[in-house]
Structures are given as structure tokens and as C-alpha cells.
Amino acid sequence: MTNRIQIALAATVALALVAGGCATKRYGRMQTVSGVERDRYTCEDIEIELAKVAEFRRQVAEGSEINIASIGGFLGDFGIGNALEKGQAEKTAAQRETELLTLKAEKDCLSRRSEESN
């Protein structure tokens, strides 16, 4: 009977490790600025999109707080999967933000805003 208990225990540990690996968090990705967006976005549209990037970053930061998925992911791969996933999400947000800020400068949104306020 001791042999059966050991097998059951080994199977339980293996199952926990496999399930833990599936617990890696998913944050999503932001898309690069498309040609249509580049051509058609107004300064106001760009500001809205920059606000969306900020909200996405907030959600990634909030989602990276420790919870059951974090613990399961850590048990499965020592947290590497969660760290990689978060890093990729942050990378896409930074890329989109950079593209939007470049577009904002190309469309001369800063000088237009100061002209509108005068």
C-alpha cells in the first residue's frame, strides 16, 4: 500500500506542476500604429490613443500583483513565464507610445494646441 501512496503523491505533484505552468498570466499586446491610423488620426485621436496606452500599462501593473495565478505560474516555471509575458506586454505598449508621440510631433499637435488656447 505504501507503493500506491507514493505513486499517487508523485502523480499529484506532477499534475500540480503541469497545471501551474498553465497558470501563466496573459496581459495582451498593443498593436503598432497602422498606416491608416497614421494617415487619419487627428491630434485628439492621438491623445485618446495615448490615454489607452496609459490604461493598458496600469492594467499590466495591476495584473502583475501576486494572486493564485502568480503562485501557480511560479510553481510551474519559477515565475519566468509571468515575467516574460509582462515584459512583452510592456514592450508593445512602449513601442505604440513612441509611435504615437512621433505621430503627434509630425502632425504638429503641440503648436496647434497652443494656438487653440489663444
C-alpha atoms as a PDB file:
ATOM      1  CA  MET A   1       0.000   0.000   0.000  1.00  0.00           C
ATOM      2  CA  THR A   2       2.942   2.341   0.588  1.00  0.00           C
ATOM      3  CA  ASN A   3       3.879   1.999  -3.067  1.00  0.00           C
ATOM      4  CA  ARG A   4       0.378   3.132  -4.133  1.00  0.00           C
ATOM      5  CA  ILE A   5       0.591   6.188  -1.885  1.00  0.00           C
ATOM      6  CA  GLN A   6       3.969   7.133  -3.348  1.00  0.00           C
ATOM      7  CA  ILE A   7       2.620   6.776  -6.895  1.00  0.00           C
ATOM      8  CA  ALA A   8      -0.461   8.831  -6.037  1.00  0.00           C
ATOM      9  CA  LEU A   9       1.699  11.503  -4.411  1.00  0.00           C
ATOM     10  CA  ALA A  10       4.055  11.626  -7.407  1.00  0.00           C
ATOM     11  CA  ALA A  11       1.099  11.896  -9.789  1.00  0.00           C
ATOM     12  CA  THR A  12      -0.410  14.722  -7.716  1.00  0.00           C
ATOM     13  CA  VAL A  13       2.864  16.669  -7.696  1.00  0.00           C
ATOM     14  CA  ALA A  14       3.300  16.167 -11.445  1.00  0.00           C
ATOM     15  CA  LEU A  15      -0.253  17.328 -12.093  1.00  0.00           C
ATOM     16  CA  ALA A  16       0.263  20.410  -9.911  1.00  0.00           C
ATOM     17  CA  LEU A  17       3.414  21.317 -11.838  1.00  0.00           C
ATOM     18  CA  VAL A  18       1.709  20.898 -15.203  1.00  0.00           C
ATOM     19  CA  ALA A  19      -1.317  22.919 -14.077  1.00  0.00           C
ATOM     20  CA  GLY A  20       0.959  25.576 -12.605  1.00  0.00           C
ATOM     21  CA  GLY A  21       2.670  26.020 -15.951  1.00  0.00           C
ATOM     22  CA  CYS A  22      -0.731  26.746 -17.476  1.00  0.00           C
ATOM     23  CA  ALA A  23      -1.299  29.490 -14.926  1.00  0.00           C
ATOM     24  CA  THR A  24       0.969  31.986 -16.675  1.00  0.00           C
ATOM     25  CA  LYS A  25      -0.818  35.315 -16.813  1.00  0.00           C
ATOM     26  CA  ARG A  26      -1.810  36.810 -20.149  1.00  0.00           C
ATOM     27  CA  TYR A  27      -1.689  40.588 -20.497  1.00  0.00           C
ATOM     28  CA  GLY A  28      -2.393  41.023 -24.195  1.00  0.00           C
ATOM     29  CA  ARG A  29      -0.474  43.113 -26.663  1.00  0.00           C
ATOM     30  CA  MET A  30      -0.780  46.562 -28.172  1.00  0.00           C
ATOM     31  CA  GLN A  31      -0.569  46.848 -31.943  1.00  0.00           C
ATOM     32  CA  THR A  32       1.831  49.114 -33.756  1.00  0.00           C
ATOM     33  CA  VAL A  33       0.377  52.243 -35.355  1.00  0.00           C
ATOM     34  CA  SER A  34      -1.045  51.251 -38.734  1.00  0.00           C
ATOM     35  CA  GLY A  35      -0.797  53.217 -41.943  1.00  0.00           C
ATOM     36  CA  VAL A  36      -4.482  54.112 -41.759  1.00  0.00           C
ATOM     37  CA  GLU A  37      -4.067  55.396 -38.199  1.00  0.00           C
ATOM     38  CA  ARG A  38      -1.002  57.368 -39.238  1.00  0.00           C
ATOM     39  CA  ASP A  39      -2.894  58.995 -42.108  1.00  0.00           C
ATOM     40  CA  ARG A  40      -6.229  59.632 -40.460  1.00  0.00           C
ATOM     41  CA  TYR A  41      -5.658  60.262 -36.765  1.00  0.00           C
ATOM     42  CA  THR A  42      -6.252  63.788 -35.618  1.00  0.00           C
ATOM     43  CA  CYS A  43      -4.437  65.298 -32.668  1.00  0.00           C
ATOM     44  CA  GLU A  44      -7.442  64.454 -30.496  1.00  0.00           C
ATOM     45  CA  ASP A  45      -7.371  60.832 -31.700  1.00  0.00           C
ATOM     46  CA  ILE A  46      -3.701  60.609 -30.789  1.00  0.00           C
ATOM     47  CA  GLU A  47      -4.416  61.890 -27.270  1.00  0.00           C
ATOM     48  CA  ILE A  48      -7.154  59.281 -26.862  1.00  0.00           C
ATOM     49  CA  GLU A  49      -4.788  56.531 -28.006  1.00  0.00           C
ATOM     50  CA  LEU A  50      -2.081  57.726 -25.613  1.00  0.00           C
ATOM     51  CA  ALA A  51      -4.630  57.516 -22.805  1.00  0.00           C
ATOM     52  CA  LYS A  52      -5.407  53.932 -23.873  1.00  0.00           C
ATOM     53  CA  VAL A  53      -1.689  53.083 -23.693  1.00  0.00           C
ATOM     54  CA  ALA A  54      -1.536  54.522 -20.165  1.00  0.00           C
ATOM     55  CA  GLU A  55      -4.576  52.461 -19.142  1.00  0.00           C
ATOM     56  CA  PHE A  56      -3.074  49.308 -20.666  1.00  0.00           C
ATOM     57  CA  ARG A  57       0.110  49.880 -18.665  1.00  0.00           C
ATOM     58  CA  ARG A  58      -1.926  50.372 -15.490  1.00  0.00           C
ATOM     59  CA  GLN A  59      -3.767  47.114 -16.111  1.00  0.00           C
ATOM     60  CA  VAL A  60      -0.487  45.253 -16.698  1.00  0.00           C
ATOM     61  CA  ALA A  61       0.938  46.634 -13.461  1.00  0.00           C
ATOM     62  CA  GLU A  62      -2.242  45.762 -11.591  1.00  0.00           C
ATOM     63  CA  GLY A  63      -2.341  42.297 -13.151  1.00  0.00           C
ATOM     64  CA  SER A  64       1.225  41.563 -12.109  1.00  0.00           C
ATOM     65  CA  GLU A  65       0.318  41.711  -8.440  1.00  0.00           C
ATOM     66  CA  ILE A  66       0.560  38.398  -6.625  1.00  0.00           C
ATOM     67  CA  ASN A  67      -2.501  36.140  -6.773  1.00  0.00           C
ATOM     68  CA  ILE A  68      -3.307  32.467  -7.329  1.00  0.00           C
ATOM     69  CA  ALA A  69      -2.164  32.597 -10.974  1.00  0.00           C
ATOM     70  CA  SER A  70       1.158  34.084  -9.854  1.00  0.00           C
ATOM     71  CA  ILE A  71       1.675  31.288  -7.371  1.00  0.00           C
ATOM     72  CA  GLY A  72       0.686  28.629  -9.895  1.00  0.00           C
ATOM     73  CA  GLY A  73       2.946  30.156 -12.540  1.00  0.00           C
ATOM     74  CA  PHE A  74       5.815  30.313 -10.082  1.00  0.00           C
ATOM     75  CA  LEU A  75       5.389  26.668  -9.166  1.00  0.00           C
ATOM     76  CA  GLY A  76       5.320  25.700 -12.844  1.00  0.00           C
ATOM     77  CA  ASP A  77       8.308  27.661 -14.114  1.00  0.00           C
ATOM     78  CA  PHE A  78       9.618  29.688 -11.154  1.00  0.00           C
ATOM     79  CA  GLY A  79       7.775  32.793 -12.395  1.00  0.00           C
ATOM     80  CA  ILE A  80       9.763  33.070 -15.622  1.00  0.00           C
ATOM     81  CA  GLY A  81       6.658  32.803 -17.827  1.00  0.00           C
ATOM     82  CA  ASN A  82       4.871  35.601 -15.962  1.00  0.00           C
ATOM     83  CA  ALA A  83       7.939  37.846 -16.132  1.00  0.00           C
ATOM     84  CA  LEU A  84       8.365  37.217 -19.873  1.00  0.00           C
ATOM     85  CA  GLU A  85       4.670  37.824 -20.546  1.00  0.00           C
ATOM     86  CA  LYS A  86       4.702  41.094 -18.604  1.00  0.00           C
ATOM     87  CA  GLY A  87       7.883  42.207 -20.351  1.00  0.00           C
ATOM     88  CA  GLN A  88       6.401  41.575 -23.796  1.00  0.00           C
ATOM     89  CA  ALA A  89       3.202  43.447 -22.905  1.00  0.00           C
ATOM     90  CA  GLU A  90       5.214  46.418 -21.639  1.00  0.00           C
ATOM     91  CA  LYS A  91       7.411  46.334 -24.748  1.00  0.00           C
ATOM     92  CA  THR A  92       4.422  46.596 -27.095  1.00  0.00           C
ATOM     93  CA  ALA A  93       2.963  49.448 -25.032  1.00  0.00           C
ATOM     94  CA  ALA A  94       6.262  51.352 -25.157  1.00  0.00           C
ATOM     95  CA  GLN A  95       6.520  50.825 -28.920  1.00  0.00           C
ATOM     96  CA  ARG A  96       2.987  52.080 -29.563  1.00  0.00           C
ATOM     97  CA  GLU A  97       3.503  55.061 -27.265  1.00  0.00           C
ATOM     98  CA  THR A  98       6.718  56.005 -29.080  1.00  0.00           C
ATOM     99  CA  GLU A  99       4.971  55.749 -32.450  1.00  0.00           C
ATOM    100  CA  LEU A 100       2.048  57.866 -31.225  1.00  0.00           C
ATOM    101  CA  LEU A 101       4.360  60.535 -29.804  1.00  0.00           C
ATOM    102  CA  THR A 102       6.267  60.625 -33.089  1.00  0.00           C
ATOM    103  CA  LEU A 103       2.990  60.977 -34.983  1.00  0.00           C
ATOM    104  CA  LYS A 104       1.934  63.732 -32.591  1.00  0.00           C
ATOM    105  CA  ALA A 105       5.120  65.638 -33.405  1.00  0.00           C
ATOM    106  CA  GLU A 106       4.755  65.008 -37.153  1.00  0.00           C
ATOM    107  CA  LYS A 107       1.222  66.394 -37.085  1.00  0.00           C
ATOM    108  CA  ASP A 108       2.462  69.388 -35.090  1.00  0.00           C
ATOM    109  CA  CYS A 109      -0.122  68.825 -32.357  1.00  0.00           C
ATOM    110  CA  LEU A 110       1.765  70.804 -29.718  1.00  0.00           C
ATOM    111  CA  SER A 111       1.737  74.077 -31.665  1.00  0.00           C
ATOM    112  CA  ARG A 112      -1.898  73.563 -32.687  1.00  0.00           C
ATOM    113  CA  ARG A 113      -2.912  73.158 -29.050  1.00  0.00           C
ATOM    114  CA  SER A 114      -1.178  76.398 -28.047  1.00  0.00           C
ATOM    115  CA  GLU A 115      -2.828  78.212 -30.990  1.00  0.00           C
ATOM    116  CA  GLU A 116      -6.261  76.892 -29.948  1.00  0.00           C
ATOM    117  CA  SER A 117      -5.811  78.123 -26.387  1.00  0.00           C
ATOM    118  CA  ASN A 118      -5.007  81.686 -27.542  1.00  0.00           C
END
